């Protein structure tokens, strides 16, 4: 997350007595059918909209899919921070995210878009508030008659530092590059099995 706001954003916070902000959720995940990486954007605005972020035009879908998100806190250091995002599983975009894609460990970004409370015009390019991964997905059901929601637990980018080496460089990832290379065949159990000298 940037430590310094742009002049337009800083002026907005300094002069406006009313703040009109929207949350933008961006994910990059693998399509289960094609195996290709794809992207999707969701936001809590009123309609689908394009935003330019880092020189890239991104489309964010509304559809009432992004219901709530925990307050995002900033923290210096390597501690893994977790945030909760609640979505509606009925929205087609969310269905694609949780069933059409492989969401576990998919990279995500959360930006905040600021709008003028009077003109409703976008103040500046949305600024990033969070960068990390989807850590867990759970379906939540409340009392009878309440809507079912899907809850995503996000882990900050520091989560990558806790991933075991075997997951970063597994047999599967090596064979994806070279199918006959079995060098990491036992990488996931290395160090956990005692083998006597000379034993296969």
Protein backbone atom coordinates (compact mmCIF):
# COMPACT_ATOMS: atom_id res chain seq x y z
CA UNK A 1 0.00 0.00 0.00
CA UNK A 2 1.42 3.43 -0.88
CA UNK A 3 2.63 5.44 2.08
CA UNK A 4 2.04 8.76 0.33
CA UNK A 5 -1.19 9.81 -1.34
CA UNK A 6 -1.27 11.67 -4.63
CA UNK A 7 -1.85 15.45 -4.37
CA UNK A 8 -5.47 15.07 -5.51
CA UNK A 9 -6.19 12.37 -2.94
CA UNK A 10 -4.39 14.23 -0.14
CA UNK A 11 -6.35 17.39 -0.94
CA UNK A 12 -9.59 15.39 -0.93
CA UNK A 13 -8.95 14.12 2.60
CA UNK A 14 -7.88 17.57 3.77
CA UNK A 15 -10.81 19.56 2.40
CA UNK A 16 -13.82 17.27 2.24
CA UNK A 17 -16.10 16.94 5.24
CA UNK A 18 -17.92 14.04 3.60
CA UNK A 19 -16.08 11.05 2.18
CA UNK A 20 -17.59 8.89 -0.55
CA UNK A 21 -15.46 5.79 -1.05
CA UNK A 22 -15.94 2.47 -2.79
CA UNK A 23 -14.00 -0.79 -2.45
CA UNK A 24 -12.51 -2.53 -5.49
CA UNK A 25 -11.63 -6.24 -5.25
CA UNK A 26 -9.32 -7.73 -7.92
CA UNK A 27 -8.30 -11.38 -8.23
CA UNK A 28 -6.06 -13.32 -10.60
CA UNK A 29 -6.86 -17.05 -10.62
CA UNK A 30 -6.50 -20.17 -12.74
CA UNK A 31 -9.50 -21.22 -14.84
CA UNK A 32 -10.31 -24.81 -13.87
CA UNK A 33 -11.25 -25.80 -17.44
CA UNK A 34 -8.52 -24.14 -19.48
CA UNK A 35 -5.71 -23.98 -16.93
CA UNK A 36 -5.05 -20.38 -18.00
CA UNK A 37 -4.79 -17.46 -15.57
CA UNK A 38 -7.72 -15.03 -15.69
CA UNK A 39 -8.68 -11.89 -13.81
CA UNK A 40 -11.92 -10.61 -12.30
CA UNK A 41 -12.92 -7.41 -10.55
CA UNK A 42 -15.80 -6.86 -8.10
CA UNK A 43 -16.78 -3.67 -6.33
CA UNK A 44 -19.53 -2.27 -4.11
CA UNK A 45 -20.65 0.33 -6.64
CA UNK A 46 -24.02 0.57 -8.35
CA UNK A 47 -23.06 -0.69 -11.80
CA UNK A 48 -20.23 -2.25 -13.79
CA UNK A 49 -17.41 0.19 -14.37
CA UNK A 50 -13.89 0.43 -15.80
CA UNK A 51 -11.06 1.87 -13.72
CA UNK A 52 -7.50 2.60 -14.84
CA UNK A 53 -5.03 1.28 -12.28
CA UNK A 54 -1.30 1.36 -12.92
CA UNK A 55 -1.89 2.08 -16.60
CA UNK A 56 -4.16 -0.98 -16.95
CA UNK A 57 -7.90 -0.71 -17.61
CA UNK A 58 -9.78 -3.06 -15.30
CA UNK A 59 -13.48 -3.91 -15.39
CA UNK A 60 -15.21 -4.25 -12.03
CA UNK A 61 -18.63 -5.87 -11.71
CA UNK A 62 -21.26 -4.68 -9.25
CA UNK A 63 -24.30 -7.00 -9.22
CA UNK A 64 -24.52 -6.69 -5.43
CA UNK A 65 -21.86 -9.37 -5.16
CA UNK A 66 -19.46 -7.61 -2.77
CA UNK A 67 -21.47 -7.34 0.45
CA UNK A 68 -18.94 -6.34 3.09
CA UNK A 69 -15.26 -6.19 3.93
CA UNK A 70 -13.44 -5.86 7.22
CA UNK A 71 -11.68 -2.53 7.87
CA UNK A 72 -8.20 -2.67 6.37
CA UNK A 73 -5.37 -1.75 8.71
CA UNK A 74 -1.82 -0.85 7.76
CA UNK A 75 1.11 -2.37 9.59
CA UNK A 76 4.87 -2.27 9.15
CA UNK A 77 6.73 -5.56 9.29
CA UNK A 78 6.41 -9.14 8.09
CA UNK A 79 3.41 -10.19 10.19
CA UNK A 80 0.72 -11.93 8.13
CA UNK A 81 -2.49 -9.89 8.30
CA UNK A 82 -5.87 -11.43 7.57
CA UNK A 83 -9.04 -9.76 6.33
CA UNK A 84 -12.53 -11.06 5.72
CA UNK A 85 -14.56 -10.37 2.58
CA UNK A 86 -18.22 -11.42 2.36
CA UNK A 87 -19.87 -11.99 -1.01
CA UNK A 88 -23.17 -13.23 -2.37
CA UNK A 89 -22.79 -16.74 -3.87
CA UNK A 90 -25.82 -16.09 -6.07
CA UNK A 91 -24.03 -13.50 -8.22
CA UNK A 92 -22.76 -15.11 -11.47
CA UNK A 93 -19.37 -13.42 -11.06
CA UNK A 94 -18.93 -14.94 -7.60
CA UNK A 95 -20.02 -18.34 -8.94
CA UNK A 96 -17.28 -18.07 -11.54
CA UNK A 97 -14.77 -17.05 -8.88
CA UNK A 98 -15.44 -19.94 -6.49
CA UNK A 99 -16.39 -22.70 -8.95
CA UNK A 100 -15.00 -21.74 -12.36
CA UNK A 101 -11.62 -20.66 -10.97
CA UNK A 102 -9.17 -22.21 -8.53
CA UNK A 103 -9.40 -19.48 -5.87
CA UNK A 104 -7.15 -20.95 -3.14
CA UNK A 105 -3.92 -18.96 -2.93
CA UNK A 106 -5.01 -16.76 -5.83
CA UNK A 107 -3.41 -13.28 -5.69
CA UNK A 108 -5.78 -10.44 -4.80
CA UNK A 109 -5.63 -6.67 -4.56
CA UNK A 110 -8.02 -4.28 -2.85
CA UNK A 111 -8.16 -0.65 -3.95
CA UNK A 112 -10.18 2.29 -2.69
CA UNK A 113 -11.87 4.64 -5.16
CA UNK A 114 -12.78 8.11 -3.93
CA UNK A 115 -15.64 10.12 -5.43
CA UNK A 116 -16.67 13.73 -5.00
CA UNK A 117 -19.77 13.61 -2.76
CA UNK A 118 -21.49 16.35 -4.79
CA UNK A 119 -20.56 15.68 -8.42
CA UNK A 120 -19.97 11.91 -7.96
CA UNK A 121 -16.88 12.25 -10.15
CA UNK A 122 -13.87 10.01 -9.53
CA UNK A 123 -11.26 12.07 -7.66
CA UNK A 124 -8.14 10.22 -8.73
CA UNK A 125 -6.84 6.80 -9.70
CA UNK A 126 -7.90 4.28 -7.02
CA UNK A 127 -5.13 3.63 -4.52
CA UNK A 128 -4.18 0.19 -3.23
CA UNK A 129 -5.14 -0.73 0.34
CA UNK A 130 -4.24 -4.42 0.39
CA UNK A 131 -2.24 -7.00 -1.54
CA UNK A 132 -2.22 -10.69 -0.72
CA UNK A 133 -3.86 -14.04 -1.37
CA UNK A 134 -7.12 -15.91 -0.84
CA UNK A 135 -6.36 -18.17 2.10
CA UNK A 136 -9.73 -19.76 2.91
CA UNK A 137 -13.28 -19.95 1.53
CA UNK A 138 -16.33 -20.83 3.61
CA UNK A 139 -20.08 -20.79 3.00
CA UNK A 140 -22.04 -19.23 5.85
CA UNK A 141 -25.69 -19.91 6.61
CA UNK A 142 -27.58 -17.88 9.19
CA UNK A 143 -30.97 -18.45 10.81
CA UNK A 144 -33.77 -19.85 8.67
CA UNK A 145 -34.83 -17.37 6.02
CA UNK A 146 -31.51 -15.50 5.86
CA UNK A 147 -29.37 -15.46 2.75
CA UNK A 148 -26.37 -17.72 2.31
CA UNK A 149 -23.05 -15.89 1.96
CA UNK A 150 -19.56 -16.93 0.97
CA UNK A 151 -16.75 -15.68 3.17
CA UNK A 152 -13.22 -15.24 1.85
CA UNK A 153 -10.33 -14.99 4.28
CA UNK A 154 -7.46 -13.04 2.75
CA UNK A 155 -3.86 -13.22 3.90
CA UNK A 156 -1.45 -10.38 3.26
CA UNK A 157 1.52 -10.69 0.90
CA UNK A 158 3.73 -11.73 3.84
CA UNK A 159 1.91 -15.07 3.63
CA UNK A 160 4.23 -16.03 0.76
CA UNK A 161 7.16 -16.08 3.19
CA UNK A 162 5.49 -18.88 5.20
CA UNK A 163 4.92 -21.24 2.24
CA UNK A 164 7.09 -24.38 2.58
CA UNK A 165 9.81 -24.84 -0.01
CA UNK A 166 8.20 -28.06 -1.23
CA UNK A 167 5.08 -26.10 -2.17
CA UNK A 168 7.09 -23.48 -4.01
CA UNK A 169 9.14 -26.12 -5.86
CA UNK A 170 7.07 -29.30 -5.88
CA UNK A 171 7.27 -32.35 -8.11
CA UNK A 172 4.18 -31.13 -9.96
CA UNK A 173 5.64 -27.71 -10.76
CA UNK A 174 8.88 -29.28 -12.01
CA UNK A 175 7.08 -31.85 -14.17
CA UNK A 176 4.91 -29.10 -15.63
CA UNK A 177 8.13 -27.76 -17.14
CA UNK A 178 9.77 -31.13 -17.84
CA UNK A 179 7.42 -34.18 -17.58
CA UNK A 180 10.26 -36.74 -17.26
CA UNK A 181 12.19 -34.88 -14.59
CA UNK A 182 11.59 -36.67 -11.27
CA UNK A 183 14.25 -34.83 -9.24
CA UNK A 184 11.65 -33.52 -6.76
CA UNK A 185 9.54 -36.67 -6.65
CA UNK A 186 9.86 -36.94 -2.86
CA UNK A 187 10.13 -33.23 -2.07
CA UNK A 188 6.91 -33.20 -0.03
CA UNK A 189 8.19 -35.86 2.41
CA UNK A 190 11.88 -34.94 2.47
CA UNK A 191 13.17 -34.73 6.02
CA UNK A 192 10.21 -36.60 7.51
CA UNK A 193 11.28 -40.19 6.75
CA UNK A 194 14.37 -41.78 8.28
CA UNK A 195 16.36 -43.84 5.79
CA UNK A 196 19.41 -45.88 6.81
CA UNK A 197 22.60 -45.50 4.81
CA UNK A 198 22.47 -47.70 1.72
CA UNK A 199 18.72 -48.28 1.96
CA UNK A 200 16.53 -47.43 -1.03
